[in-house]
Amino acid sequence: MNLPNRSNKCAALFAGALLLCFGLTASADELQDINKLLKQGKTEQALERTNNYLTSKPKDAQGRFLKGLILTEQGKTADAIRVFTELTEDYPELPEPYNNLAVLYASQGQYDKARIALEMAIRTHPSYATAHENLGDIYAKLASQAYDRALQLDRGNTSTQTKLSLIKDLFSNSSTKSSKPAKTAAHAEAATVAAKSLPAELAEPAAATEKIAVSEPAATAAPAVAESRSAADSTAAILQTVHDWAAAWSAKNVKGYLAFYADDFKILDGASRADWEAQRTDRIRKPGSIQVDIGNPKVKLMDANHASVSFKQSYRASHLKNHSNKTLVLVKSGSNWLIQEERTGK
């Protein structure tokens, strides 16, 4: 079952739109010319000119993003993933590269990796509606797989059958709205999710979205209820922070990973912050994959701005596998929770 095909606009159109997302540069004309080649299906010429452009501007975000789109259109998924991954490392504040990584991972059926990439996109840009929508699609796909497995174990479970049927109907109805058949199922998923990243000002006008009205708590609400709500919100935010920290680590996103640490993070052995960051960077960037999983996290709120969370950490890399108990001491900075101290036990 494929992810919903809400629109099958080509990646070339997406490329032209995203050029504006990164802002105009003195070389905008060259990039627009390359984009025209991509629209015309002349991907080899487009790639050659992009490589020439990047020779003199190797760090240019627009050019590198466009190269990733060209490689995606050519079906060179591994190369495109590498380009977008490097963009997230050099420009962790941009949500679009994370979104496109999710598109590519989804096209390969790597839905957990797609979920992680979208969660990072949302962390960098909480109002990025496209990433939220795409994340919903990924959750639906993961739910479908889970229901399928449940039915294999219990064919008579009518509740599960109903849920799976609803999801299949959702996907089927979305697919019928497609205006153009995709070359392959994988290409359909990539083109569909990418097309949804068109900036609002470039998309066709649409009706206003209905929103569920959420009433404010009554002024006479009991203080205990308000306090409980605040504690629950803090706990949820802390747990999300820990999972996002593990996701950045797993994605080998060094800048994103280091951003979770407070300026006054307690470094063992008296090392300087610069030395510690250099050491962590070297370890994370070693060749091979990294997978960090969080198990059974327990949050302890000390006050409104300080907390700790204990969990079982599973670390798997090509050169090492390790399981340990870990506690993170966190401090609230603005709307974010940052790591102030790490404690590891057996």
Protein backbone atom coordinates (compact mmCIF):
# COMPACT_ATOMS: atom_id res chain seq x y z
CA MET A 1 0.00 0.00 0.00
CA ASN A 2 1.39 3.37 -1.01
CA LEU A 3 1.25 6.63 0.87
CA PRO A 4 -1.59 8.97 -0.22
CA ASN A 5 -1.13 10.45 -3.71
CA ARG A 6 -2.73 13.85 -3.18
CA SER A 7 -0.99 15.35 -6.22
CA ASN A 8 1.66 14.08 -8.59
CA LYS A 9 3.32 17.35 -9.57
CA CYS A 10 6.82 16.69 -10.83
CA ALA A 11 9.88 17.30 -8.70
CA ALA A 12 11.02 19.92 -11.19
CA LEU A 13 8.12 22.17 -10.25
CA PHE A 14 9.01 21.63 -6.62
CA ALA A 15 12.57 22.66 -7.37
CA GLY A 16 11.50 26.01 -8.82
CA ALA A 17 9.35 26.75 -5.81
CA LEU A 18 11.97 25.84 -3.25
CA LEU A 19 14.52 28.17 -4.81
CA LEU A 20 12.42 30.99 -3.44
CA CYS A 21 12.28 29.38 0.01
CA PHE A 22 16.02 29.78 0.41
CA GLY A 23 16.00 33.41 -0.73
CA LEU A 24 17.37 35.11 -3.83
CA THR A 25 21.10 35.25 -4.54
CA ALA A 26 23.29 36.93 -7.11
CA SER A 27 23.39 33.62 -9.01
CA ALA A 28 19.61 33.20 -9.12
CA ASP A 29 19.56 33.41 -12.93
CA GLU A 30 21.91 30.45 -13.24
CA LEU A 31 19.85 28.39 -10.83
CA GLN A 32 16.64 29.30 -12.66
CA ASP A 33 18.22 28.19 -15.94
CA ILE A 34 19.18 24.88 -14.35
CA ASN A 35 15.65 24.54 -13.03
CA LYS A 36 14.27 25.05 -16.55
CA LEU A 37 16.45 22.20 -17.77
CA LEU A 38 15.07 20.01 -15.01
CA LYS A 39 11.48 20.91 -15.97
CA GLN A 40 12.27 19.91 -19.54
CA GLY A 41 13.55 16.54 -18.37
CA LYS A 42 17.17 17.35 -19.31
CA THR A 43 18.52 16.04 -16.04
CA GLU A 44 22.03 15.23 -17.27
CA GLN A 45 22.55 18.80 -18.51
CA ALA A 46 20.98 20.16 -15.33
CA LEU A 47 23.27 18.06 -13.16
CA GLU A 48 26.39 19.07 -15.11
CA ARG A 49 25.59 22.77 -14.76
CA THR A 50 24.75 22.34 -11.08
CA ASN A 51 28.10 20.65 -10.45
CA ASN A 52 29.87 23.49 -12.27
CA TYR A 53 27.93 26.01 -10.19
CA LEU A 54 28.88 24.25 -6.96
CA THR A 55 32.56 24.17 -7.92
CA SER A 56 32.75 27.88 -7.16
CA LYS A 57 30.04 27.85 -4.47
CA PRO A 58 30.42 24.49 -2.67
CA LYS A 59 28.41 25.59 0.39
CA ASP A 60 25.52 27.19 -1.52
CA ALA A 61 22.30 25.78 -0.05
CA GLN A 62 20.17 26.46 -3.12
CA GLY A 63 22.55 24.74 -5.50
CA ARG A 64 23.01 21.73 -3.24
CA PHE A 65 19.27 21.39 -2.69
CA LEU A 66 18.67 21.57 -6.44
CA LYS A 67 21.31 18.88 -6.97
CA GLY A 68 19.46 16.66 -4.53
CA LEU A 69 16.25 17.13 -6.51
CA ILE A 70 17.98 16.33 -9.80
CA LEU A 71 19.47 13.15 -8.35
CA THR A 72 16.03 12.22 -7.02
CA GLU A 73 14.52 12.70 -10.47
CA GLN A 74 17.26 10.50 -11.95
CA GLY A 75 16.44 7.75 -9.49
CA LYS A 76 19.83 8.03 -7.76
CA THR A 77 18.29 7.74 -4.32
CA ALA A 78 21.46 6.96 -2.36
CA ASP A 79 23.26 9.99 -3.82
CA ALA A 80 20.24 12.22 -3.18
CA ILE A 81 20.05 11.03 0.44
CA ARG A 82 23.72 11.88 0.88
CA VAL A 83 23.19 15.41 -0.50
CA PHE A 84 20.17 16.13 1.70
CA THR A 85 21.84 14.60 4.76
CA GLU A 86 24.87 16.86 4.35
CA LEU A 87 22.52 19.83 3.96
CA THR A 88 20.88 19.01 7.32
CA GLU A 89 24.32 18.93 8.91
CA ASP A 90 25.45 22.26 7.45
CA TYR A 91 22.06 24.00 7.68
CA PRO A 92 20.17 22.30 10.55
CA GLU A 93 17.79 25.26 10.75
CA LEU A 94 16.27 24.49 7.30
CA PRO A 95 13.30 22.09 7.41
CA GLU A 96 13.07 21.34 3.66
CA PRO A 97 16.11 19.01 3.43
CA TYR A 98 14.71 16.95 6.33
CA ASN A 99 11.36 16.74 4.53
CA ASN A 100 12.99 15.54 1.33
CA LEU A 101 15.00 12.96 3.23
CA ALA A 102 11.68 11.67 4.55
CA VAL A 103 10.35 11.48 0.98
CA LEU A 104 13.29 9.36 -0.09
CA TYR A 105 13.22 7.12 2.97
CA ALA A 106 9.47 6.58 2.46
CA SER A 107 10.06 5.61 -1.17
CA GLN A 108 12.38 2.86 0.13
CA GLY A 109 9.91 1.69 2.76
CA GLN A 110 12.14 3.00 5.57
CA TYR A 111 9.27 4.59 7.45
CA ASP A 112 11.02 4.87 10.83
CA LYS A 113 13.82 6.89 9.25
CA ALA A 114 11.22 9.01 7.45
CA ARG A 115 9.48 9.65 10.77
CA ILE A 116 12.73 10.74 12.41
CA ALA A 117 13.55 13.12 9.55
CA LEU A 118 10.08 14.71 9.71
CA GLU A 119 10.28 15.11 13.48
CA MET A 120 13.57 16.97 13.00
CA ALA A 121 11.94 19.19 10.35
CA ILE A 122 9.16 20.05 12.78
CA ARG A 123 11.62 20.74 15.59
CA THR A 124 13.48 23.26 13.42
CA HIS A 125 10.25 24.80 12.10
CA PRO A 126 7.20 23.93 14.28
CA SER A 127 4.79 25.71 11.91
CA TYR A 128 5.94 23.74 8.84
CA ALA A 129 2.54 22.34 7.86
CA THR A 130 3.91 20.09 5.11
CA ALA A 131 6.08 18.16 7.57
CA HIS A 132 3.13 17.72 9.92
CA GLU A 133 0.98 16.38 7.08
CA ASN A 134 3.71 14.08 5.86
CA LEU A 135 4.29 12.82 9.39
CA GLY A 136 0.59 11.98 9.57
CA ASP A 137 0.97 9.94 6.38
CA ILE A 138 3.95 8.09 7.83
CA TYR A 139 2.07 7.32 11.05
CA ALA A 140 -0.82 6.00 8.97
CA LYS A 141 1.53 3.75 7.03
CA LEU A 142 3.14 2.45 10.23
CA ALA A 143 -0.33 1.85 11.70
CA SER A 144 -1.32 -0.08 8.58
CA GLN A 145 1.70 -2.33 8.94
CA ALA A 146 0.95 -2.91 12.63
CA TYR A 147 -2.69 -3.80 11.89
CA ASP A 148 -1.55 -6.19 9.16
CA ARG A 149 0.71 -7.96 11.63
CA ALA A 150 -2.08 -8.08 14.22
CA LEU A 151 -4.44 -9.73 11.71
CA GLN A 152 -1.82 -12.32 10.82
CA LEU A 153 -1.85 -13.33 14.48
CA ASP A 154 -5.62 -13.06 14.95
CA ARG A 155 -7.67 -13.27 11.75
CA GLY A 156 -10.93 -12.99 13.66
CA ASN A 157 -10.21 -9.60 15.21
CA THR A 158 -13.02 -7.53 13.70
CA SER A 159 -11.87 -4.31 15.39
CA THR A 160 -8.48 -4.53 13.72
CA GLN A 161 -10.10 -5.39 10.39
CA THR A 162 -12.26 -2.26 10.62
CA LYS A 163 -9.27 -0.01 11.44
CA LEU A 164 -7.20 -1.44 8.61
CA SER A 165 -10.11 -1.00 6.21
CA LEU A 166 -10.47 2.65 7.18
CA ILE A 167 -6.79 3.33 6.50
CA LYS A 168 -6.94 1.53 3.15
CA ASP A 169 -10.01 3.56 2.21
CA LEU A 170 -8.15 6.75 3.13
CA PHE A 171 -5.21 5.82 0.91
CA SER A 172 -7.50 4.68 -1.90
CA ASN A 173 -9.57 7.87 -1.87
CA SER A 174 -6.45 10.02 -1.88
CA SER A 175 -4.95 8.05 -4.76
CA THR A 176 -8.00 8.59 -6.98
CA LYS A 177 -7.37 12.34 -6.85
CA SER A 178 -4.05 11.89 -8.63
CA SER A 179 -4.01 13.84 -11.90
CA LYS A 180 -1.14 11.90 -13.49
CA PRO A 181 -0.01 8.28 -13.10
CA ALA A 182 3.41 7.87 -11.49
CA LYS A 183 6.23 5.98 -13.18
CA THR A 184 6.54 3.62 -10.21
CA ALA A 185 5.02 3.32 -6.75
CA ALA A 186 8.25 4.59 -5.18
CA HIS A 187 8.40 7.53 -7.60
CA ALA A 188 4.76 8.30 -6.79
CA GLU A 189 5.48 8.58 -3.07
CA ALA A 190 8.55 10.75 -3.63
CA ALA A 191 6.83 13.08 -6.10
CA THR A 192 3.69 13.32 -3.99
CA VAL A 193 5.30 14.29 -0.69
CA ALA A 194 7.79 16.59 -2.40
CA ALA A 195 5.05 18.42 -4.28
CA LYS A 196 3.30 19.13 -0.99
CA SER A 197 6.25 21.31 -0.01
CA LEU A 198 5.28 24.09 -2.41
CA PRO A 199 5.20 27.41 -0.52
CA ALA A 200 1.67 28.65 0.21
CA GLU A 201 2.08 31.73 -1.98
CA LEU A 202 2.83 29.53 -5.00
CA ALA A 203 0.16 26.92 -4.45
CA GLU A 204 -3.30 27.21 -5.98
CA PRO A 205 -5.86 28.99 -3.78
CA ALA A 206 -7.68 26.63 -1.43
CA ALA A 207 -10.61 26.91 0.94
CA ALA A 208 -9.85 27.83 4.53
CA THR A 209 -9.10 24.84 6.72
CA GLU A 210 -11.59 24.09 9.43
CA LYS A 211 -10.07 23.96 12.90
CA ILE A 212 -11.40 22.37 16.05
CA ALA A 213 -12.20 25.08 18.56
CA VAL A 214 -10.30 24.69 21.80
CA SER A 215 -11.73 26.65 24.69
CA GLU A 216 -9.48 28.28 27.25
CA PRO A 217 -9.56 26.85 30.80
CA ALA A 218 -12.17 28.56 32.91
CA ALA A 219 -10.82 31.28 35.17
CA THR A 220 -12.39 29.51 38.14
CA ALA A 221 -10.63 26.21 37.44
CA ALA A 222 -9.08 24.66 40.51
CA PRO A 223 -5.35 25.48 40.88
CA ALA A 224 -4.58 21.76 41.21
CA VAL A 225 -6.06 21.08 37.76
CA ALA A 226 -4.01 23.87 36.15
CA GLU A 227 -0.88 22.63 37.89
CA SER A 228 -1.52 19.08 36.73
CA ARG A 229 -2.01 20.27 33.15
CA SER A 230 1.28 22.22 33.31
CA ALA A 231 3.17 19.21 34.67
CA ALA A 232 1.74 16.98 31.95
CA ASP A 233 2.75 19.48 29.26
CA SER A 234 6.29 19.70 30.67
CA THR A 235 6.61 15.93 30.85
CA ALA A 236 5.47 15.55 27.24
CA ALA A 237 7.92 18.23 26.08
CA ILE A 238 10.80 16.59 27.96
CA LEU A 239 10.05 13.17 26.50
CA GLN A 240 9.86 14.67 23.01
CA THR A 241 13.21 16.38 23.59
CA VAL A 242 14.87 13.11 24.59
CA HIS A 243 13.48 11.27 21.56
CA ASP A 244 14.51 14.14 19.24
CA TRP A 245 18.01 14.09 20.77
CA ALA A 246 18.28 10.36 20.07
CA ALA A 247 16.92 10.91 16.56
CA ALA A 248 19.55 13.55 15.75
CA TRP A 249 22.24 11.24 17.10
CA SER A 250 20.91 8.33 15.01
CA ALA A 251 20.78 10.54 11.91
CA LYS A 252 24.43 11.53 12.55
CA ASN A 253 23.29 15.16 12.49
CA VAL A 254 26.15 16.61 14.54
CA LYS A 255 24.91 20.20 14.66
CA GLY A 256 21.40 19.11 15.55
CA TYR A 257 22.72 16.75 18.23
CA LEU A 258 24.98 19.36 19.87
CA ALA A 259 22.13 21.90 19.87
CA PHE A 260 20.41 19.83 22.59
CA TYR A 261 23.15 20.66 25.12
CA ALA A 262 22.98 23.71 27.38
CA ASP A 263 25.83 26.21 27.42
CA ASP A 264 26.65 25.15 30.99
CA PHE A 265 26.58 21.41 30.22
CA LYS A 266 28.69 19.57 32.79
CA ILE A 267 31.63 17.97 30.95
CA LEU A 268 33.45 15.13 32.67
CA ASP A 269 37.25 15.07 33.12
CA GLY A 270 37.40 18.86 33.06
CA ALA A 271 37.63 19.07 29.27
CA SER A 272 36.74 22.32 27.53
CA ARG A 273 33.47 22.67 25.63
CA ALA A 274 35.39 22.97 22.35
CA ASP A 275 37.37 19.78 23.00
CA TRP A 276 34.24 17.90 24.02
CA GLU A 277 32.35 18.98 20.90
CA ALA A 278 35.31 18.02 18.70
CA GLN A 279 35.44 14.59 20.34
CA ARG A 280 31.69 14.01 19.91
CA THR A 281 31.88 15.18 16.28
CA ASP A 282 34.68 12.73 15.48
CA ARG A 283 32.81 9.82 17.06
CA ILE A 284 29.49 10.55 15.39
CA ARG A 285 31.02 11.06 11.95
CA LYS A 286 32.84 7.74 11.95
CA PRO A 287 31.89 5.63 8.92
CA GLY A 288 28.84 3.45 9.40
CA SER A 289 25.35 3.82 10.80
CA ILE A 290 24.22 4.69 14.32
CA GLN A 291 20.96 3.73 15.99
CA VAL A 292 20.06 5.04 19.44
CA ASP A 293 16.85 3.80 21.06
CA ILE A 294 15.22 5.06 24.26
CA GLY A 295 13.45 2.55 26.50
CA ASN A 296 11.12 3.04 29.46
CA PRO A 297 11.81 6.77 30.05
CA LYS A 298 10.76 8.19 33.43
CA VAL A 299 10.55 11.94 34.01
CA LYS A 300 11.07 13.62 37.37
CA LEU A 301 10.10 17.30 37.59
CA MET A 302 12.15 19.19 40.18
CA ASP A 303 10.53 22.57 39.50
CA ALA A 304 9.13 24.50 36.54
CA ASN A 305 12.55 24.83 34.91
CA HIS A 306 14.49 21.77 36.03
CA ALA A 307 13.90 18.06 35.49
CA SER A 308 15.60 14.72 34.99
CA VAL A 309 14.69 11.75 32.82
CA SER A 310 16.00 8.22 33.31
CA PHE A 311 15.83 5.53 30.63
CA LYS A 312 17.46 2.47 29.14
CA GLN A 313 19.67 3.46 26.22
CA SER A 314 20.41 1.03 23.40
CA TYR A 315 23.30 2.11 21.20
CA ARG A 316 24.08 0.20 18.02
CA ALA A 317 26.79 1.12 15.53
CA SER A 318 28.92 -0.78 13.04
CA HIS A 319 31.82 -0.73 15.51
CA LEU A 320 30.02 -1.01 18.86
CA LYS A 321 26.86 -2.22 20.58
CA ASN A 322 26.04 -1.02 24.07
CA HIS A 323 23.11 -1.07 26.50
CA SER A 324 23.15 1.17 29.57
CA ASN A 325 21.01 3.05 32.05
CA LYS A 326 21.20 6.78 31.51
CA THR A 327 19.90 9.87 33.28
CA LEU A 328 19.74 13.29 31.67
CA VAL A 329 19.41 16.41 33.81
CA LEU A 330 17.61 19.11 31.85
CA VAL A 331 17.03 22.82 32.21
CA LYS A 332 14.35 24.85 30.46
CA SER A 333 15.61 27.62 28.17
CA GLY A 334 12.79 29.63 26.66
CA SER A 335 10.40 27.03 25.22
CA ASN A 336 13.07 24.34 24.90
CA TRP A 337 14.53 21.80 27.32
CA LEU A 338 18.34 21.44 27.14
CA ILE A 339 20.68 18.83 28.57
CA GLN A 340 22.71 20.12 31.51
CA GLU A 341 24.24 16.85 32.68
CA GLU A 342 24.54 13.18 31.61
CA ARG A 343 24.88 10.28 34.02
CA THR A 344 25.51 6.75 32.78
CA GLY A 345 25.23 3.53 34.78
CA LYS A 346 25.24 -0.19 34.09
